[in-house]
Amino acid sequence: MQHHVDTAQGSFGGSLYHRFATTIFTYLSQQVPNEQDAEDLLLEVFLAALKNDSLSTMSAPSQLAWLRRVLSRGSMLPKITGKV
């Protein structure tokens, strides 16, 4: 897995990605059949995060909890794993 985000401007999205991408990817890798699916889901989670303006005001533990909720509420995992 190669994580690359352009953080030249010090964006919140980039810092969020660098803070939590490995944790989320590790979890996803244990839940889906292959690395490509895990990478696709990782991208979906962080794209959703970029759309949430209030995420930047949350504490780090709350941010991680929000990212994990996106996976379950958005039904992203069932799409890949076939579990409902």
C-alpha atoms as a PDB file:
ATOM      1  CA  MET A   1       0.000   0.000   0.000  1.00  0.00           C
ATOM      2  CA  GLN A   2       1.314   3.380  -0.935  1.00  0.00           C
ATOM      3  CA  HIS A   3      -0.149   6.346   0.917  1.00  0.00           C
ATOM      4  CA  HIS A   4       0.422   9.653  -0.807  1.00  0.00           C
ATOM      5  CA  VAL A   5      -1.472  12.838  -0.127  1.00  0.00           C
ATOM      6  CA  ASP A   6      -0.329  16.267  -1.190  1.00  0.00           C
ATOM      7  CA  THR A   7       0.036  18.186   2.058  1.00  0.00           C
ATOM      8  CA  ALA A   8       2.129  21.048   0.714  1.00  0.00           C
ATOM      9  CA  GLN A   9      -0.466  23.485   1.981  1.00  0.00           C
ATOM     10  CA  GLY A  10      -0.820  21.718   5.325  1.00  0.00           C
ATOM     11  CA  SER A  11      -4.462  20.897   4.635  1.00  0.00           C
ATOM     12  CA  PHE A  12      -6.677  19.400   7.300  1.00  0.00           C
ATOM     13  CA  GLY A  13      -7.578  16.523   4.979  1.00  0.00           C
ATOM     14  CA  GLY A  14      -3.928  15.665   4.475  1.00  0.00           C
ATOM     15  CA  SER A  15      -3.141  15.735   8.168  1.00  0.00           C
ATOM     16  CA  LEU A  16      -6.219  13.633   8.916  1.00  0.00           C
ATOM     17  CA  TYR A  17      -5.126  11.117   6.301  1.00  0.00           C
ATOM     18  CA  HIS A  18      -1.590  10.906   7.676  1.00  0.00           C
ATOM     19  CA  ARG A  19      -2.903  10.518  11.205  1.00  0.00           C
ATOM     20  CA  PHE A  20      -5.385   7.708  10.538  1.00  0.00           C
ATOM     21  CA  ALA A  21      -4.808   6.085   7.125  1.00  0.00           C
ATOM     22  CA  THR A  22      -2.620   3.263   8.447  1.00  0.00           C
ATOM     23  CA  THR A  23      -5.071   2.450  11.246  1.00  0.00           C
ATOM     24  CA  ILE A  24      -8.075   2.433   8.926  1.00  0.00           C
ATOM     25  CA  PHE A  25      -6.208   0.517   6.219  1.00  0.00           C
ATOM     26  CA  THR A  26      -5.096  -2.152   8.696  1.00  0.00           C
ATOM     27  CA  TYR A  27      -8.689  -2.623   9.818  1.00  0.00           C
ATOM     28  CA  LEU A  28      -9.954  -2.757   6.231  1.00  0.00           C
ATOM     29  CA  SER A  29      -7.268  -5.260   5.231  1.00  0.00           C
ATOM     30  CA  GLN A  30      -8.657  -7.636   7.835  1.00  0.00           C
ATOM     31  CA  GLN A  31     -12.221  -7.185   6.610  1.00  0.00           C
ATOM     32  CA  VAL A  32     -11.996  -7.412   2.816  1.00  0.00           C
ATOM     33  CA  PRO A  33     -10.643 -10.090   0.474  1.00  0.00           C
ATOM     34  CA  ASN A  34      -7.803  -8.136  -1.106  1.00  0.00           C
ATOM     35  CA  GLU A  35      -5.583  -5.080  -0.788  1.00  0.00           C
ATOM     36  CA  GLN A  36      -7.167  -3.260  -3.738  1.00  0.00           C
ATOM     37  CA  ASP A  37     -10.595  -3.384  -2.091  1.00  0.00           C
ATOM     38  CA  ALA A  38      -9.083  -2.056   1.138  1.00  0.00           C
ATOM     39  CA  GLU A  39      -7.437   0.819  -0.746  1.00  0.00           C
ATOM     40  CA  ASP A  40     -10.697   1.652  -2.535  1.00  0.00           C
ATOM     41  CA  LEU A  41     -12.591   1.756   0.747  1.00  0.00           C
ATOM     42  CA  LEU A  42      -9.858   3.836   2.356  1.00  0.00           C
ATOM     43  CA  LEU A  43     -10.274   6.396  -0.405  1.00  0.00           C
ATOM     44  CA  GLU A  44     -14.065   6.444   0.038  1.00  0.00           C
ATOM     45  CA  VAL A  45     -13.733   7.028   3.781  1.00  0.00           C
ATOM     46  CA  PHE A  46     -11.384   9.966   3.380  1.00  0.00           C
ATOM     47  CA  LEU A  47     -13.429  11.477   0.549  1.00  0.00           C
ATOM     48  CA  ALA A  48     -16.402  11.439   2.914  1.00  0.00           C
ATOM     49  CA  ALA A  49     -14.229  13.096   5.580  1.00  0.00           C
ATOM     50  CA  LEU A  50     -13.365  15.942   3.220  1.00  0.00           C
ATOM     51  CA  LYS A  51     -17.080  16.709   2.919  1.00  0.00           C
ATOM     52  CA  ASN A  52     -17.549  17.019   6.698  1.00  0.00           C
ATOM     53  CA  ASP A  53     -16.644  20.538   7.829  1.00  0.00           C
ATOM     54  CA  SER A  54     -17.162  19.796  11.524  1.00  0.00           C
ATOM     55  CA  LEU A  55     -14.559  17.021  11.551  1.00  0.00           C
ATOM     56  CA  SER A  56     -11.743  19.564  11.931  1.00  0.00           C
ATOM     57  CA  THR A  57     -13.161  20.735  15.267  1.00  0.00           C
ATOM     58  CA  MET A  58     -13.270  17.240  16.787  1.00  0.00           C
ATOM     59  CA  SER A  59     -10.642  15.657  18.993  1.00  0.00           C
ATOM     60  CA  ALA A  60      -8.427  12.973  17.420  1.00  0.00           C
ATOM     61  CA  PRO A  61     -10.310  10.096  19.133  1.00  0.00           C
ATOM     62  CA  SER A  62     -13.618  11.536  17.911  1.00  0.00           C
ATOM     63  CA  GLN A  63     -12.227  11.883  14.384  1.00  0.00           C
ATOM     64  CA  LEU A  64     -11.182   8.236  14.350  1.00  0.00           C
ATOM     65  CA  ALA A  65     -14.579   7.177  15.689  1.00  0.00           C
ATOM     66  CA  TRP A  66     -16.261   9.212  12.949  1.00  0.00           C
ATOM     67  CA  LEU A  67     -14.126   7.570  10.259  1.00  0.00           C
ATOM     68  CA  ARG A  68     -15.026   4.127  11.595  1.00  0.00           C
ATOM     69  CA  ARG A  69     -18.725   5.030  11.674  1.00  0.00           C
ATOM     70  CA  VAL A  70     -18.544   6.035   8.004  1.00  0.00           C
ATOM     71  CA  LEU A  71     -17.495   2.478   7.210  1.00  0.00           C
ATOM     72  CA  SER A  72     -20.422   0.914   9.037  1.00  0.00           C
ATOM     73  CA  ARG A  73     -23.142   3.474   8.337  1.00  0.00           C
ATOM     74  CA  GLY A  74     -22.264   3.861   4.704  1.00  0.00           C
ATOM     75  CA  SER A  75     -22.489   0.100   4.270  1.00  0.00           C
ATOM     76  CA  MET A  76     -19.128   0.185   2.523  1.00  0.00           C
ATOM     77  CA  LEU A  77     -17.931  -3.097   3.977  1.00  0.00           C
ATOM     78  CA  PRO A  78     -20.987  -5.154   2.994  1.00  0.00           C
ATOM     79  CA  LYS A  79     -20.526  -4.040  -0.627  1.00  0.00           C
ATOM     80  CA  ILE A  80     -17.092  -5.647  -0.703  1.00  0.00           C
ATOM     81  CA  THR A  81     -17.418  -8.550   1.709  1.00  0.00           C
ATOM     82  CA  GLY A  82     -20.904  -9.637   0.653  1.00  0.00           C
ATOM     83  CA  LYS A  83     -22.032  -9.515   4.300  1.00  0.00           C
ATOM     84  CA  VAL A  84     -25.206  -7.610   5.133  1.00  0.00           C
END
